[in-house]
Amino acid sequence: MVNLKVPCHPSISFRPIQPPDLAVLERIHGDLFPVRYESEFFHNVVNGRDIVSWGAVDQSRSNPQNDELIGFVTARVVLAKESEVEDLISFDSPNSDQTLVYILTLGVLESYRNMGVGNSLIHEVVKFASSISTCRAVYLHVISYNIPAIHLYKKMSFQCLRRLYNFYYINGEHYDSYVFVYYVNGGRSPCSPLELVLLFVSYIKGGFKSIAAKLWKNEERKKFKWPKFKESSCLLPSVQNKRIATSESARCLDLSQHVESLNADSLGLVYEMW
């Protein structure tokens, strides 16, 4: 694990990741993450092939370390219709070229954590996504036990919209994942407050009182199912088993299978370290 001595007054700046960063980027990923990323992934990052990235450097360090990475974030622009979270985005127009930005990896050296570096790196991604007219959201996966990361994303107004059971397979163990989404450029959750009100009104018009009365009877309670209303987007549904999924969660199933094969581009945020 890289553990650098931090100057008393670090001067953190951000820049795109470049080819000279290759060795350091590989080393930091190896130190921070519990999986081995493929060499192709790192070459794609430093050469900007289908991946955008930002690196954090401490300019107060002595040369040549003042331009050496102490943090990073990598991301990819994807078509919304080809993503596993298409049903979590409500679009203002039906254009087929709507896009999303998916955060792949995020990490900060231990010595530089709790300094807002991770927060600033995420802001760079959000700013980039907002500059793309067709982009409607930034999204990511976070492993379920990474409480600091979950708190950070909630603090930054990301919305936790789905839980995926057994999404990650690491060192012979399965772990759940949460899907977090940050909306930009008019993108929004299909379950808006107005839609929830309309849904409630529709229940009343449909005979809500009679339904509620049945719910109090044990024999009916087990048989009753609420009418579906985009529940995949606002009620945190989950894939019970990544090998058994409904058509609604088919895209999540596909991605989790890539995770099990340890493809770096699909692993997303296995560990978020800052």
C-alpha atoms as a PDB file:
ATOM      1  CA  MET A   1       0.000   0.000   0.000  1.00  0.00           C
ATOM      2  CA  VAL A   2       1.385   3.407  -1.006  1.00  0.00           C
ATOM      3  CA  ASN A   3       1.503   5.664   2.045  1.00  0.00           C
ATOM      4  CA  LEU A   4       3.114   8.991   1.220  1.00  0.00           C
ATOM      5  CA  LYS A   5       4.112  11.708   3.623  1.00  0.00           C
ATOM      6  CA  VAL A   6       1.753  14.581   2.877  1.00  0.00           C
ATOM      7  CA  PRO A   7       3.132  18.141   2.936  1.00  0.00           C
ATOM      8  CA  CYS A   8       1.722  20.436   5.624  1.00  0.00           C
ATOM      9  CA  HIS A   9      -0.135  22.464   2.998  1.00  0.00           C
ATOM     10  CA  PRO A  10      -0.827  20.249  -0.016  1.00  0.00           C
ATOM     11  CA  SER A  11      -1.740  21.975  -3.263  1.00  0.00           C
ATOM     12  CA  ILE A  12      -4.108  19.624  -5.077  1.00  0.00           C
ATOM     13  CA  SER A  13      -4.879  20.145  -8.746  1.00  0.00           C
ATOM     14  CA  PHE A  14      -6.645  18.030 -11.344  1.00  0.00           C
ATOM     15  CA  ARG A  15      -5.745  17.112 -14.896  1.00  0.00           C
ATOM     16  CA  PRO A  16      -6.469  14.421 -17.499  1.00  0.00           C
ATOM     17  CA  ILE A  17      -4.614  11.134 -17.030  1.00  0.00           C
ATOM     18  CA  GLN A  18      -1.853  10.778 -19.620  1.00  0.00           C
ATOM     19  CA  PRO A  19       0.394   7.995 -21.018  1.00  0.00           C
ATOM     20  CA  PRO A  20       3.280   8.817 -18.601  1.00  0.00           C
ATOM     21  CA  ASP A  21       0.873   7.985 -15.728  1.00  0.00           C
ATOM     22  CA  LEU A  22       0.549   4.347 -16.806  1.00  0.00           C
ATOM     23  CA  ALA A  23       2.900   2.756 -14.255  1.00  0.00           C
ATOM     24  CA  VAL A  24       1.609   4.782 -11.303  1.00  0.00           C
ATOM     25  CA  LEU A  25      -2.021   4.216 -12.298  1.00  0.00           C
ATOM     26  CA  GLU A  26      -1.486   0.444 -12.435  1.00  0.00           C
ATOM     27  CA  ARG A  27       0.324   0.460  -9.098  1.00  0.00           C
ATOM     28  CA  ILE A  28      -2.371   2.472  -7.322  1.00  0.00           C
ATOM     29  CA  HIS A  29      -5.146   0.239  -8.656  1.00  0.00           C
ATOM     30  CA  GLY A  30      -3.210  -2.777  -7.462  1.00  0.00           C
ATOM     31  CA  ASP A  31      -2.752  -1.241  -4.003  1.00  0.00           C
ATOM     32  CA  LEU A  32      -6.325  -0.040  -3.553  1.00  0.00           C
ATOM     33  CA  PHE A  33      -8.525  -2.640  -5.210  1.00  0.00           C
ATOM     34  CA  PRO A  34      -8.981  -6.344  -4.389  1.00  0.00           C
ATOM     35  CA  VAL A  35      -9.023  -7.375  -8.063  1.00  0.00           C
ATOM     36  CA  ARG A  36      -6.471  -7.378 -10.849  1.00  0.00           C
ATOM     37  CA  TYR A  37      -7.407  -5.126 -13.748  1.00  0.00           C
ATOM     38  CA  GLU A  38      -6.439  -6.090 -17.254  1.00  0.00           C
ATOM     39  CA  SER A  39      -3.529  -4.276 -18.895  1.00  0.00           C
ATOM     40  CA  GLU A  40      -5.817  -3.212 -21.728  1.00  0.00           C
ATOM     41  CA  PHE A  41      -7.948  -1.242 -19.283  1.00  0.00           C
ATOM     42  CA  PHE A  42      -5.010   0.914 -18.172  1.00  0.00           C
ATOM     43  CA  HIS A  43      -3.835   1.519 -21.732  1.00  0.00           C
ATOM     44  CA  ASN A  44      -7.349   2.586 -22.689  1.00  0.00           C
ATOM     45  CA  VAL A  45      -7.425   5.012 -19.753  1.00  0.00           C
ATOM     46  CA  VAL A  46      -4.084   6.742 -20.387  1.00  0.00           C
ATOM     47  CA  ASN A  47      -4.712   6.944 -24.141  1.00  0.00           C
ATOM     48  CA  GLY A  48      -8.318   8.100 -23.805  1.00  0.00           C
ATOM     49  CA  ARG A  49      -9.715   5.200 -25.797  1.00  0.00           C
ATOM     50  CA  ASP A  50     -13.432   5.125 -24.981  1.00  0.00           C
ATOM     51  CA  ILE A  51     -12.637   6.218 -21.402  1.00  0.00           C
ATOM     52  CA  VAL A  52     -12.401   9.687 -19.887  1.00  0.00           C
ATOM     53  CA  SER A  53     -10.323  10.258 -16.775  1.00  0.00           C
ATOM     54  CA  TRP A  54      -9.029  12.806 -14.305  1.00  0.00           C
ATOM     55  CA  GLY A  55      -6.031  12.565 -12.053  1.00  0.00           C
ATOM     56  CA  ALA A  56      -5.305  14.426  -8.826  1.00  0.00           C
ATOM     57  CA  VAL A  57      -1.735  15.604  -8.186  1.00  0.00           C
ATOM     58  CA  ASP A  58      -0.088  17.433  -5.277  1.00  0.00           C
ATOM     59  CA  GLN A  59       1.945  20.280  -6.719  1.00  0.00           C
ATOM     60  CA  SER A  60       3.490  21.042  -3.341  1.00  0.00           C
ATOM     61  CA  ARG A  61       5.538  17.829  -3.502  1.00  0.00           C
ATOM     62  CA  SER A  62       9.133  17.967  -4.676  1.00  0.00           C
ATOM     63  CA  ASN A  63       9.989  17.286  -8.321  1.00  0.00           C
ATOM     64  CA  PRO A  64       9.225  15.013 -10.090  1.00  0.00           C
ATOM     65  CA  GLN A  65       6.552  13.828  -7.646  1.00  0.00           C
ATOM     66  CA  ASN A  66       4.594  17.066  -7.945  1.00  0.00           C
ATOM     67  CA  ASP A  67       2.953  15.671 -11.076  1.00  0.00           C
ATOM     68  CA  GLU A  68       2.518  12.091  -9.844  1.00  0.00           C
ATOM     69  CA  LEU A  69      -1.016  10.789  -9.337  1.00  0.00           C
ATOM     70  CA  ILE A  70      -2.371  10.729  -5.792  1.00  0.00           C
ATOM     71  CA  GLY A  71      -5.955  10.090  -6.922  1.00  0.00           C
ATOM     72  CA  PHE A  72      -7.981   9.284 -10.033  1.00  0.00           C
ATOM     73  CA  VAL A  73     -11.410   8.718 -11.492  1.00  0.00           C
ATOM     74  CA  THR A  74     -12.237   6.902 -14.735  1.00  0.00           C
ATOM     75  CA  ALA A  75     -15.535   6.976 -16.579  1.00  0.00           C
ATOM     76  CA  ARG A  76     -17.196   6.098 -19.855  1.00  0.00           C
ATOM     77  CA  VAL A  77     -19.974   7.630 -21.953  1.00  0.00           C
ATOM     78  CA  VAL A  78     -22.639   5.033 -22.806  1.00  0.00           C
ATOM     79  CA  LEU A  79     -25.898   5.102 -24.712  1.00  0.00           C
ATOM     80  CA  ALA A  80     -28.819   5.192 -22.293  1.00  0.00           C
ATOM     81  CA  LYS A  81     -30.768   2.611 -24.278  1.00  0.00           C
ATOM     82  CA  GLU A  82     -27.861   0.169 -23.990  1.00  0.00           C
ATOM     83  CA  SER A  83     -27.267   0.667 -20.257  1.00  0.00           C
ATOM     84  CA  GLU A  84     -28.642  -1.419 -17.392  1.00  0.00           C
ATOM     85  CA  VAL A  85     -30.207   1.687 -15.806  1.00  0.00           C
ATOM     86  CA  GLU A  86     -32.298   2.895 -18.733  1.00  0.00           C
ATOM     87  CA  ASP A  87     -35.477   2.287 -16.723  1.00  0.00           C
ATOM     88  CA  LEU A  88     -34.174   4.568 -13.942  1.00  0.00           C
ATOM     89  CA  ILE A  89     -34.059   7.608 -16.226  1.00  0.00           C
ATOM     90  CA  SER A  90     -37.054   9.648 -17.336  1.00  0.00           C
ATOM     91  CA  PHE A  91     -36.284  11.588 -20.511  1.00  0.00           C
ATOM     92  CA  ASP A  92     -37.794  14.858 -21.666  1.00  0.00           C
ATOM     93  CA  SER A  93     -37.607  13.676 -25.271  1.00  0.00           C
ATOM     94  CA  PRO A  94     -37.674  10.232 -26.881  1.00  0.00           C
ATOM     95  CA  ASN A  95     -34.401  10.763 -28.782  1.00  0.00           C
ATOM     96  CA  SER A  96     -32.451   7.541 -29.224  1.00  0.00           C
ATOM     97  CA  ASP A  97     -29.082   9.297 -28.783  1.00  0.00           C
ATOM     98  CA  GLN A  98     -29.533  10.018 -25.071  1.00  0.00           C
ATOM     99  CA  THR A  99     -26.367   9.181 -23.154  1.00  0.00           C
ATOM    100  CA  LEU A 100     -25.161   8.531 -19.613  1.00  0.00           C
ATOM    101  CA  VAL A 101     -21.763   8.728 -17.942  1.00  0.00           C
ATOM    102  CA  TYR A 102     -20.762   5.601 -16.016  1.00  0.00           C
ATOM    103  CA  ILE A 103     -18.045   5.922 -13.365  1.00  0.00           C
ATOM    104  CA  LEU A 104     -15.697   2.939 -13.607  1.00  0.00           C
ATOM    105  CA  THR A 105     -13.120   3.446 -10.848  1.00  0.00           C
ATOM    106  CA  LEU A 106     -12.373   6.057  -8.210  1.00  0.00           C
ATOM    107  CA  GLY A 107      -9.441   6.035  -5.814  1.00  0.00           C
ATOM    108  CA  VAL A 108      -7.303   8.272  -3.610  1.00  0.00           C
ATOM    109  CA  LEU A 109      -4.110   7.344  -1.776  1.00  0.00           C
ATOM    110  CA  GLU A 110      -4.674   6.780   1.919  1.00  0.00           C
ATOM    111  CA  SER A 111      -2.448   9.720   2.918  1.00  0.00           C
ATOM    112  CA  TYR A 112      -4.669  12.126   0.955  1.00  0.00           C
ATOM    113  CA  ARG A 113      -8.081  10.927   2.083  1.00  0.00           C
ATOM    114  CA  ASN A 114     -10.560  13.103   3.986  1.00  0.00           C
ATOM    115  CA  MET A 115      -9.258  16.156   2.130  1.00  0.00           C
ATOM    116  CA  GLY A 116     -12.099  16.400  -0.372  1.00  0.00           C
ATOM    117  CA  VAL A 117     -10.082  14.881  -3.217  1.00  0.00           C
ATOM    118  CA  GLY A 118     -12.661  12.186  -4.000  1.00  0.00           C
ATOM    119  CA  ASN A 119     -15.425  14.779  -3.844  1.00  0.00           C
ATOM    120  CA  SER A 120     -13.581  17.013  -6.319  1.00  0.00           C
ATOM    121  CA  LEU A 121     -12.921  14.126  -8.698  1.00  0.00           C
ATOM    122  CA  ILE A 122     -16.623  13.287  -8.776  1.00  0.00           C
ATOM    123  CA  HIS A 123     -17.393  16.962  -9.433  1.00  0.00           C
ATOM    124  CA  GLU A 124     -15.126  16.777 -12.488  1.00  0.00           C
ATOM    125  CA  VAL A 125     -17.202  13.872 -13.815  1.00  0.00           C
ATOM    126  CA  VAL A 126     -20.495  15.662 -13.130  1.00  0.00           C
ATOM    127  CA  LYS A 127     -19.205  18.818 -14.817  1.00  0.00           C
ATOM    128  CA  PHE A 128     -18.132  16.783 -17.836  1.00  0.00           C
ATOM    129  CA  ALA A 129     -21.511  15.010 -18.034  1.00  0.00           C
ATOM    130  CA  SER A 130     -23.357  18.327 -17.783  1.00  0.00           C
ATOM    131  CA  SER A 131     -21.380  19.654 -20.754  1.00  0.00           C
ATOM    132  CA  ILE A 132     -22.755  16.877 -23.006  1.00  0.00           C
ATOM    133  CA  SER A 133     -26.122  18.015 -24.308  1.00  0.00           C
ATOM    134  CA  THR A 134     -27.402  14.457 -24.759  1.00  0.00           C
ATOM    135  CA  CYS A 135     -26.298  13.261 -21.319  1.00  0.00           C
ATOM    136  CA  ARG A 136     -29.017  12.791 -18.710  1.00  0.00           C
ATOM    137  CA  ALA A 137     -27.236  11.237 -15.726  1.00  0.00           C
ATOM    138  CA  VAL A 138     -24.059  10.007 -14.069  1.00  0.00           C
ATOM    139  CA  TYR A 139     -24.327   6.578 -12.464  1.00  0.00           C
ATOM    140  CA  LEU A 140     -22.167   4.066 -10.642  1.00  0.00           C
ATOM    141  CA  HIS A 141     -22.167   0.900  -8.561  1.00  0.00           C
ATOM    142  CA  VAL A 142     -20.937   0.768  -4.986  1.00  0.00           C
ATOM    143  CA  ILE A 143     -20.358  -2.366  -2.941  1.00  0.00           C
ATOM    144  CA  SER A 144     -22.931  -2.603  -0.150  1.00  0.00           C
ATOM    145  CA  TYR A 145     -20.546  -2.537   2.819  1.00  0.00           C
ATOM    146  CA  ASN A 146     -18.639   0.572   1.677  1.00  0.00           C
ATOM    147  CA  ILE A 147     -20.482   2.898   4.051  1.00  0.00           C
ATOM    148  CA  PRO A 148     -18.130   5.909   3.612  1.00  0.00           C
ATOM    149  CA  ALA A 149     -18.689   5.823  -0.166  1.00  0.00           C
ATOM    150  CA  ILE A 150     -22.454   5.537   0.272  1.00  0.00           C
ATOM    151  CA  HIS A 151     -22.472   8.547   2.608  1.00  0.00           C
ATOM    152  CA  LEU A 152     -20.353  10.540   0.156  1.00  0.00           C
ATOM    153  CA  TYR A 153     -22.663   9.891  -2.795  1.00  0.00           C
ATOM    154  CA  LYS A 154     -25.753  10.757  -0.782  1.00  0.00           C
ATOM    155  CA  LYS A 155     -24.065  13.949   0.414  1.00  0.00           C
ATOM    156  CA  MET A 156     -23.371  14.828  -3.224  1.00  0.00           C
ATOM    157  CA  SER A 157     -27.063  14.351  -4.125  1.00  0.00           C
ATOM    158  CA  PHE A 158     -26.699  10.999  -5.856  1.00  0.00           C
ATOM    159  CA  GLN A 159     -29.865   8.937  -5.491  1.00  0.00           C
ATOM    160  CA  CYS A 160     -29.704   5.284  -4.473  1.00  0.00           C
ATOM    161  CA  LEU A 161     -32.249   3.637  -6.757  1.00  0.00           C
ATOM    162  CA  ARG A 162     -31.527  -0.064  -6.840  1.00  0.00           C
ATOM    163  CA  ARG A 163     -29.909  -2.903  -4.930  1.00  0.00           C
ATOM    164  CA  LEU A 164     -28.369  -5.802  -6.831  1.00  0.00           C
ATOM    165  CA  TYR A 165     -27.887  -8.962  -4.823  1.00  0.00           C
ATOM    166  CA  ASN A 166     -24.649 -10.934  -5.380  1.00  0.00           C
ATOM    167  CA  PHE A 167     -23.518  -8.410  -7.976  1.00  0.00           C
ATOM    168  CA  TYR A 168     -19.818  -8.677  -7.137  1.00  0.00           C
ATOM    169  CA  TYR A 169     -17.788 -11.859  -6.923  1.00  0.00           C
ATOM    170  CA  ILE A 170     -14.500 -11.196  -5.134  1.00  0.00           C
ATOM    171  CA  ASN A 171     -12.092 -13.769  -3.735  1.00  0.00           C
ATOM    172  CA  GLY A 172     -14.744 -16.474  -3.742  1.00  0.00           C
ATOM    173  CA  GLU A 173     -17.377 -14.347  -2.007  1.00  0.00           C
ATOM    174  CA  HIS A 174     -20.524 -12.641  -3.321  1.00  0.00           C
ATOM    175  CA  TYR A 175     -21.362  -9.057  -2.370  1.00  0.00           C
ATOM    176  CA  ASP A 176     -24.384  -6.867  -3.068  1.00  0.00           C
ATOM    177  CA  SER A 177     -24.205  -3.591  -4.965  1.00  0.00           C
ATOM    178  CA  TYR A 178     -26.165  -0.344  -4.865  1.00  0.00           C
ATOM    179  CA  VAL A 179     -26.825   1.717  -7.991  1.00  0.00           C
ATOM    180  CA  PHE A 180     -26.433   5.477  -7.466  1.00  0.00           C
ATOM    181  CA  VAL A 181     -27.607   8.042 -10.025  1.00  0.00           C
ATOM    182  CA  TYR A 182     -26.978  11.792 -10.340  1.00  0.00           C
ATOM    183  CA  TYR A 183     -29.271  13.482 -12.865  1.00  0.00           C
ATOM    184  CA  VAL A 184     -28.102  16.237 -15.241  1.00  0.00           C
ATOM    185  CA  ASN A 185     -29.516  18.242 -18.160  1.00  0.00           C
ATOM    186  CA  GLY A 186     -33.173  17.564 -17.393  1.00  0.00           C
ATOM    187  CA  GLY A 187     -32.820  13.873 -16.624  1.00  0.00           C
ATOM    188  CA  ARG A 188     -34.888  12.715 -13.662  1.00  0.00           C
ATOM    189  CA  SER A 189     -36.185   9.680 -11.859  1.00  0.00           C
ATOM    190  CA  PRO A 190     -39.346   8.176 -13.381  1.00  0.00           C
ATOM    191  CA  CYS A 191     -40.861   8.256  -9.881  1.00  0.00           C
ATOM    192  CA  SER A 192     -41.145  12.009  -9.421  1.00  0.00           C
ATOM    193  CA  PRO A 193     -43.095  13.461  -6.457  1.00  0.00           C
ATOM    194  CA  LEU A 194     -45.932  14.402  -8.816  1.00  0.00           C
ATOM    195  CA  GLU A 195     -46.136  10.857 -10.159  1.00  0.00           C
ATOM    196  CA  LEU A 196     -46.283   9.488  -6.648  1.00  0.00           C
ATOM    197  CA  VAL A 197     -49.224  11.806  -5.875  1.00  0.00           C
ATOM    198  CA  LEU A 198     -50.977  10.747  -9.071  1.00  0.00           C
ATOM    199  CA  LEU A 199     -50.369   7.134  -8.168  1.00  0.00           C
ATOM    200  CA  PHE A 200     -51.906   7.655  -4.731  1.00  0.00           C
ATOM    201  CA  VAL A 201     -54.950   9.338  -6.283  1.00  0.00           C
ATOM    202  CA  SER A 202     -55.364   6.470  -8.715  1.00  0.00           C
ATOM    203  CA  TYR A 203     -55.393   4.034  -5.808  1.00  0.00           C
ATOM    204  CA  ILE A 204     -58.198   6.003  -4.190  1.00  0.00           C
ATOM    205  CA  LYS A 205     -60.227   6.114  -7.398  1.00  0.00           C
ATOM    206  CA  GLY A 206     -59.707   2.395  -7.895  1.00  0.00           C
ATOM    207  CA  GLY A 207     -61.210   1.511  -4.573  1.00  0.00           C
ATOM    208  CA  PHE A 208     -58.344   1.930  -2.152  1.00  0.00           C
ATOM    209  CA  LYS A 209     -60.605   1.441   0.863  1.00  0.00           C
ATOM    210  CA  SER A 210     -61.702  -1.998  -0.191  1.00  0.00           C
ATOM    211  CA  ILE A 211     -58.126  -3.028  -0.900  1.00  0.00           C
ATOM    212  CA  ALA A 212     -56.968  -1.786   2.502  1.00  0.00           C
ATOM    213  CA  ALA A 213     -59.710  -3.772   4.210  1.00  0.00           C
ATOM    214  CA  LYS A 214     -58.521  -6.951   2.549  1.00  0.00           C
ATOM    215  CA  LEU A 215     -54.960  -6.290   3.667  1.00  0.00           C
ATOM    216  CA  TRP A 216     -56.028  -6.724   7.280  1.00  0.00           C
ATOM    217  CA  LYS A 217     -57.006 -10.308   6.624  1.00  0.00           C
ATOM    218  CA  ASN A 218     -54.068 -12.616   6.819  1.00  0.00           C
ATOM    219  CA  GLU A 219     -55.310 -14.950   4.147  1.00  0.00           C
ATOM    220  CA  GLU A 220     -55.722 -12.081   1.706  1.00  0.00           C
ATOM    221  CA  ARG A 221     -52.565 -10.267   2.705  1.00  0.00           C
ATOM    222  CA  LYS A 222     -50.385 -13.020   1.238  1.00  0.00           C
ATOM    223  CA  LYS A 223     -52.275 -13.042  -2.031  1.00  0.00           C
ATOM    224  CA  PHE A 224     -52.475  -9.276  -2.572  1.00  0.00           C
ATOM    225  CA  LYS A 225     -50.024  -7.505  -4.864  1.00  0.00           C
ATOM    226  CA  TRP A 226     -49.896  -3.760  -5.375  1.00  0.00           C
ATOM    227  CA  PRO A 227     -50.384  -2.541  -8.933  1.00  0.00           C
ATOM    228  CA  LYS A 228     -47.039  -2.005 -10.632  1.00  0.00           C
ATOM    229  CA  PHE A 229     -46.011   1.576 -11.338  1.00  0.00           C
ATOM    230  CA  LYS A 230     -42.397   1.809 -12.460  1.00  0.00           C
ATOM    231  CA  GLU A 231     -41.458   0.133  -9.235  1.00  0.00           C
ATOM    232  CA  SER A 232     -38.117  -0.788 -10.704  1.00  0.00           C
ATOM    233  CA  SER A 233     -37.073   2.858 -10.484  1.00  0.00           C
ATOM    234  CA  CYS A 234     -38.188   4.089  -7.098  1.00  0.00           C
ATOM    235  CA  LEU A 235     -38.574   1.177  -4.731  1.00  0.00           C
ATOM    236  CA  LEU A 236     -35.050  -0.260  -4.827  1.00  0.00           C
ATOM    237  CA  PRO A 237     -35.979  -3.658  -6.299  1.00  0.00           C
ATOM    238  CA  SER A 238     -33.235  -6.235  -6.394  1.00  0.00           C
ATOM    239  CA  VAL A 239     -31.973  -9.115  -8.423  1.00  0.00           C
ATOM    240  CA  GLN A 240     -32.426 -12.025  -6.009  1.00  0.00           C
ATOM    241  CA  ASN A 241     -29.965 -14.180  -7.877  1.00  0.00           C
ATOM    242  CA  LYS A 242     -27.824 -13.017 -10.750  1.00  0.00           C
ATOM    243  CA  ARG A 243     -28.464 -16.287 -12.546  1.00  0.00           C
ATOM    244  CA  ILE A 244     -32.240 -15.928 -12.191  1.00  0.00           C
ATOM    245  CA  ALA A 245     -33.523 -12.531 -13.253  1.00  0.00           C
ATOM    246  CA  THR A 246     -36.712 -11.117 -14.697  1.00  0.00           C
ATOM    247  CA  SER A 247     -36.707  -9.403 -18.055  1.00  0.00           C
ATOM    248  CA  GLU A 248     -36.842  -6.136 -16.125  1.00  0.00           C
ATOM    249  CA  SER A 249     -33.414  -6.842 -14.652  1.00  0.00           C
ATOM    250  CA  ALA A 250     -31.849  -8.577 -17.633  1.00  0.00           C
ATOM    251  CA  ARG A 251     -29.332  -5.811 -18.253  1.00  0.00           C
ATOM    252  CA  CYS A 252     -28.127  -6.030 -14.670  1.00  0.00           C
ATOM    253  CA  LEU A 253     -27.710  -9.770 -15.077  1.00  0.00           C
ATOM    254  CA  ASP A 254     -25.528  -9.285 -18.121  1.00  0.00           C
ATOM    255  CA  LEU A 255     -23.225  -6.844 -16.342  1.00  0.00           C
ATOM    256  CA  SER A 256     -22.893  -8.967 -13.213  1.00  0.00           C
ATOM    257  CA  GLN A 257     -21.762 -11.892 -15.338  1.00  0.00           C
ATOM    258  CA  HIS A 258     -18.940  -9.725 -16.655  1.00  0.00           C
ATOM    259  CA  VAL A 259     -18.054  -8.839 -13.088  1.00  0.00           C
ATOM    260  CA  GLU A 260     -17.710 -12.499 -12.168  1.00  0.00           C
ATOM    261  CA  SER A 261     -15.213 -12.933 -14.989  1.00  0.00           C
ATOM    262  CA  LEU A 262     -13.230  -9.993 -13.529  1.00  0.00           C
ATOM    263  CA  ASN A 263     -13.368  -7.798 -16.611  1.00  0.00           C
ATOM    264  CA  ALA A 264     -12.022  -4.452 -15.396  1.00  0.00           C
ATOM    265  CA  ASP A 265     -14.308  -2.316 -17.535  1.00  0.00           C
ATOM    266  CA  SER A 266     -17.381  -3.927 -15.959  1.00  0.00           C
ATOM    267  CA  LEU A 267     -16.220  -3.972 -12.370  1.00  0.00           C
ATOM    268  CA  GLY A 268     -17.170  -0.363 -11.794  1.00  0.00           C
ATOM    269  CA  LEU A 269     -16.585   0.830  -8.264  1.00  0.00           C
ATOM    270  CA  VAL A 270     -15.570  -2.343  -6.519  1.00  0.00           C
ATOM    271  CA  TYR A 271     -13.881  -0.263  -3.852  1.00  0.00           C
ATOM    272  CA  GLU A 272     -14.048   3.517  -3.725  1.00  0.00           C
ATOM    273  CA  MET A 273     -10.975   4.785  -1.903  1.00  0.00           C
ATOM    274  CA  TRP A 274     -10.322   8.387  -1.072  1.00  0.00           C
END
